[in-house]
Amino acid sequence: MADVAYPQRRARAFRAFRMYLIGSAACVVINVIVIAVVPGYSFPQNFWAIWPLLGWGVPTVWRLFELRRYRHDHA
């Protein structure tokens, strides 16, 4: 018997992953622009440059791992 919640969980997980990738790409682009414009600026100079990659990425990737476990438990 297929679980109705699995497709919903899968859609939410992949939507979050897509938003994470878009957000990370935007963060990298902004930092490349700042590096080009501001003299003496290096990428990890400010914490705001890396927090989206870590703070948003870890829960997003964890959600994908939970989705795999949920699929195996409810198959």
N, C-alpha and C. Protein backbone atom coordinates (compact mmCIF):
# COMPACT_ATOMS: atom_id res chain seq x y z
N MET A 1 0.84 -1.18 0.00
CA MET A 1 0.00 0.00 0.00
C MET A 1 0.89 1.25 0.00
N ALA A 2 0.66 2.08 -0.95
CA ALA A 2 1.47 3.30 -1.07
C ALA A 2 1.03 4.33 -0.05
N ASP A 3 2.01 5.00 0.50
CA ASP A 3 1.72 6.04 1.48
C ASP A 3 1.53 7.37 0.76
N VAL A 4 0.43 8.03 1.03
CA VAL A 4 0.13 9.31 0.38
C VAL A 4 1.10 10.39 0.85
N ALA A 5 1.58 10.27 2.07
CA ALA A 5 2.46 11.30 2.62
C ALA A 5 3.84 11.30 1.95
N TYR A 6 4.27 10.16 1.42
CA TYR A 6 5.60 10.11 0.82
C TYR A 6 5.75 11.07 -0.36
N PRO A 7 4.81 11.09 -1.32
CA PRO A 7 4.97 12.06 -2.42
C PRO A 7 4.99 13.51 -1.95
N GLN A 8 4.22 13.81 -0.91
CA GLN A 8 4.22 15.18 -0.38
C GLN A 8 5.56 15.49 0.29
N ARG A 9 6.06 14.55 1.07
CA ARG A 9 7.36 14.75 1.71
C ARG A 9 8.46 14.89 0.66
N ARG A 10 8.38 14.07 -0.39
CA ARG A 10 9.38 14.12 -1.45
C ARG A 10 9.34 15.47 -2.16
N ALA A 11 8.16 15.95 -2.46
CA ALA A 11 8.03 17.25 -3.13
C ALA A 11 8.60 18.37 -2.26
N ARG A 12 8.29 18.36 -0.96
CA ARG A 12 8.81 19.39 -0.06
C ARG A 12 10.33 19.31 0.05
N ALA A 13 10.86 18.09 0.14
CA ALA A 13 12.31 17.93 0.27
C ALA A 13 13.04 18.44 -0.96
N PHE A 14 12.54 18.10 -2.14
CA PHE A 14 13.22 18.55 -3.36
C PHE A 14 13.01 20.04 -3.61
N ARG A 15 11.88 20.59 -3.19
CA ARG A 15 11.68 22.04 -3.29
C ARG A 15 12.68 22.76 -2.39
N ALA A 16 12.86 22.25 -1.17
CA ALA A 16 13.84 22.86 -0.25
C ALA A 16 15.25 22.74 -0.81
N PHE A 17 15.56 21.59 -1.42
CA PHE A 17 16.89 21.40 -2.00
C PHE A 17 17.12 22.35 -3.17
N ARG A 18 16.11 22.52 -4.00
CA ARG A 18 16.22 23.45 -5.13
C ARG A 18 16.43 24.88 -4.63
N MET A 19 15.69 25.28 -3.60
CA MET A 19 15.85 26.62 -3.04
C MET A 19 17.24 26.78 -2.41
N TYR A 20 17.75 25.72 -1.79
CA TYR A 20 19.09 25.76 -1.22
C TYR A 20 20.13 25.98 -2.32
N LEU A 21 20.00 25.26 -3.42
CA LEU A 21 20.95 25.42 -4.51
C LEU A 21 20.89 26.83 -5.11
N ILE A 22 19.68 27.35 -5.28
CA ILE A 22 19.53 28.71 -5.80
C ILE A 22 20.11 29.73 -4.83
N GLY A 23 19.82 29.57 -3.55
CA GLY A 23 20.34 30.48 -2.53
C GLY A 23 21.86 30.43 -2.43
N SER A 24 22.41 29.23 -2.51
CA SER A 24 23.87 29.09 -2.46
C SER A 24 24.53 29.72 -3.68
N ALA A 25 23.93 29.52 -4.84
CA ALA A 25 24.47 30.14 -6.06
C ALA A 25 24.42 31.66 -5.96
N ALA A 26 23.32 32.19 -5.44
CA ALA A 26 23.21 33.64 -5.28
C ALA A 26 24.26 34.15 -4.30
N CYS A 27 24.49 33.42 -3.23
CA CYS A 27 25.51 33.81 -2.25
C CYS A 27 26.89 33.84 -2.89
N VAL A 28 27.20 32.83 -3.68
CA VAL A 28 28.51 32.78 -4.34
C VAL A 28 28.65 33.93 -5.34
N VAL A 29 27.61 34.20 -6.11
CA VAL A 29 27.66 35.29 -7.09
C VAL A 29 27.85 36.63 -6.39
N ILE A 30 27.12 36.86 -5.31
CA ILE A 30 27.26 38.11 -4.56
C ILE A 30 28.69 38.26 -4.04
N ASN A 31 29.25 37.17 -3.52
CA ASN A 31 30.61 37.24 -2.99
C ASN A 31 31.64 37.46 -4.08
N VAL A 32 31.44 36.88 -5.25
CA VAL A 32 32.36 37.12 -6.36
C VAL A 32 32.30 38.59 -6.76
N ILE A 33 31.11 39.17 -6.79
CA ILE A 33 30.97 40.59 -7.11
C ILE A 33 31.66 41.45 -6.06
N VAL A 34 31.45 41.11 -4.78
CA VAL A 34 32.08 41.89 -3.70
C VAL A 34 33.60 41.76 -3.77
N ILE A 35 34.10 40.56 -4.06
CA ILE A 35 35.55 40.37 -4.18
C ILE A 35 36.11 41.23 -5.32
N ALA A 36 35.36 41.33 -6.42
CA ALA A 36 35.82 42.12 -7.56
C ALA A 36 35.76 43.62 -7.28
N VAL A 37 34.79 44.06 -6.49
CA VAL A 37 34.57 45.49 -6.27
C VAL A 37 35.38 46.04 -5.10
N VAL A 38 35.43 45.30 -4.00
CA VAL A 38 36.09 45.80 -2.78
C VAL A 38 37.55 45.35 -2.77
N PRO A 39 38.48 46.30 -2.75
CA PRO A 39 39.89 45.92 -2.71
C PRO A 39 40.25 45.30 -1.35
N GLY A 40 41.03 44.25 -1.38
CA GLY A 40 41.49 43.61 -0.15
C GLY A 40 40.46 42.70 0.50
N TYR A 41 39.37 42.41 -0.17
CA TYR A 41 38.34 41.54 0.40
C TYR A 41 38.62 40.11 0.01
N SER A 42 38.55 39.21 0.98
CA SER A 42 38.70 37.79 0.69
C SER A 42 37.40 37.08 1.04
N PHE A 43 37.14 35.93 0.44
CA PHE A 43 35.84 35.26 0.58
C PHE A 43 35.42 35.01 2.03
N PRO A 44 36.23 34.39 2.88
CA PRO A 44 35.73 34.13 4.24
C PRO A 44 35.90 35.28 5.22
N GLN A 45 36.08 36.48 4.70
CA GLN A 45 36.31 37.63 5.58
C GLN A 45 35.11 37.86 6.49
N ASN A 46 33.92 37.76 5.97
CA ASN A 46 32.72 37.95 6.76
C ASN A 46 31.97 36.63 6.88
N PHE A 47 31.39 36.39 8.05
CA PHE A 47 30.67 35.14 8.27
C PHE A 47 29.44 35.04 7.39
N TRP A 48 28.82 36.18 7.05
CA TRP A 48 27.61 36.13 6.23
C TRP A 48 27.86 35.49 4.89
N ALA A 49 29.14 35.42 4.50
CA ALA A 49 29.47 34.84 3.20
C ALA A 49 29.30 33.32 3.19
N ILE A 50 29.41 32.67 4.36
CA ILE A 50 29.32 31.21 4.38
C ILE A 50 28.14 30.67 5.17
N TRP A 51 27.43 31.49 5.93
CA TRP A 51 26.36 30.92 6.75
C TRP A 51 25.24 30.29 5.94
N PRO A 52 24.85 30.81 4.77
CA PRO A 52 23.79 30.11 4.04
C PRO A 52 24.21 28.72 3.58
N LEU A 53 25.47 28.57 3.24
CA LEU A 53 25.95 27.27 2.77
C LEU A 53 25.88 26.23 3.88
N LEU A 54 26.19 26.63 5.11
CA LEU A 54 26.18 25.69 6.22
C LEU A 54 24.84 25.67 6.95
N GLY A 55 24.36 26.83 7.33
CA GLY A 55 23.16 26.90 8.15
C GLY A 55 21.90 26.44 7.45
N TRP A 56 21.84 26.62 6.14
CA TRP A 56 20.67 26.21 5.40
C TRP A 56 20.89 24.84 4.76
N GLY A 57 22.12 24.54 4.42
CA GLY A 57 22.42 23.31 3.70
C GLY A 57 22.33 22.06 4.55
N VAL A 58 22.78 22.12 5.79
CA VAL A 58 22.75 20.93 6.64
C VAL A 58 21.33 20.43 6.86
N PRO A 59 20.37 21.28 7.26
CA PRO A 59 18.99 20.78 7.41
C PRO A 59 18.38 20.30 6.10
N THR A 60 18.73 20.93 5.00
CA THR A 60 18.18 20.53 3.70
C THR A 60 18.68 19.15 3.30
N VAL A 61 19.97 18.91 3.43
CA VAL A 61 20.52 17.60 3.09
C VAL A 61 20.00 16.54 4.06
N TRP A 62 19.85 16.90 5.33
CA TRP A 62 19.32 15.96 6.32
C TRP A 62 17.88 15.56 5.96
N ARG A 63 17.10 16.50 5.44
CA ARG A 63 15.74 16.19 5.03
C ARG A 63 15.73 15.16 3.90
N LEU A 64 16.68 15.26 2.98
CA LEU A 64 16.77 14.27 1.90
C LEU A 64 17.14 12.89 2.45
N PHE A 65 18.04 12.82 3.43
CA PHE A 65 18.37 11.53 4.05
C PHE A 65 17.17 10.95 4.79
N GLU A 66 16.43 11.80 5.50
CA GLU A 66 15.23 11.32 6.19
C GLU A 66 14.21 10.80 5.19
N LEU A 67 14.12 11.43 4.04
CA LEU A 67 13.18 10.99 3.01
C LEU A 67 13.51 9.57 2.55
N ARG A 68 14.78 9.27 2.38
CA ARG A 68 15.17 7.90 1.99
C ARG A 68 14.78 6.90 3.07
N ARG A 69 15.03 7.25 4.33
CA ARG A 69 14.68 6.35 5.43
C ARG A 69 13.17 6.17 5.51
N TYR A 70 12.43 7.25 5.32
CA TYR A 70 10.97 7.19 5.37
C TYR A 70 10.43 6.30 4.26
N ARG A 71 11.02 6.37 3.08
CA ARG A 71 10.57 5.55 1.96
C ARG A 71 10.77 4.07 2.27
N HIS A 72 11.93 3.73 2.86
CA HIS A 72 12.20 2.33 3.16
C HIS A 72 11.32 1.82 4.30
N ASP A 73 10.99 2.66 5.26
CA ASP A 73 10.15 2.24 6.38
C ASP A 73 8.70 2.08 5.99
N HIS A 74 8.24 2.82 4.98
CA HIS A 74 6.82 2.82 4.61
C HIS A 74 6.56 2.20 3.24
N ALA A 75 7.51 1.46 2.74
CA ALA A 75 7.33 0.84 1.42
C ALA A 75 6.46 -0.41 1.50
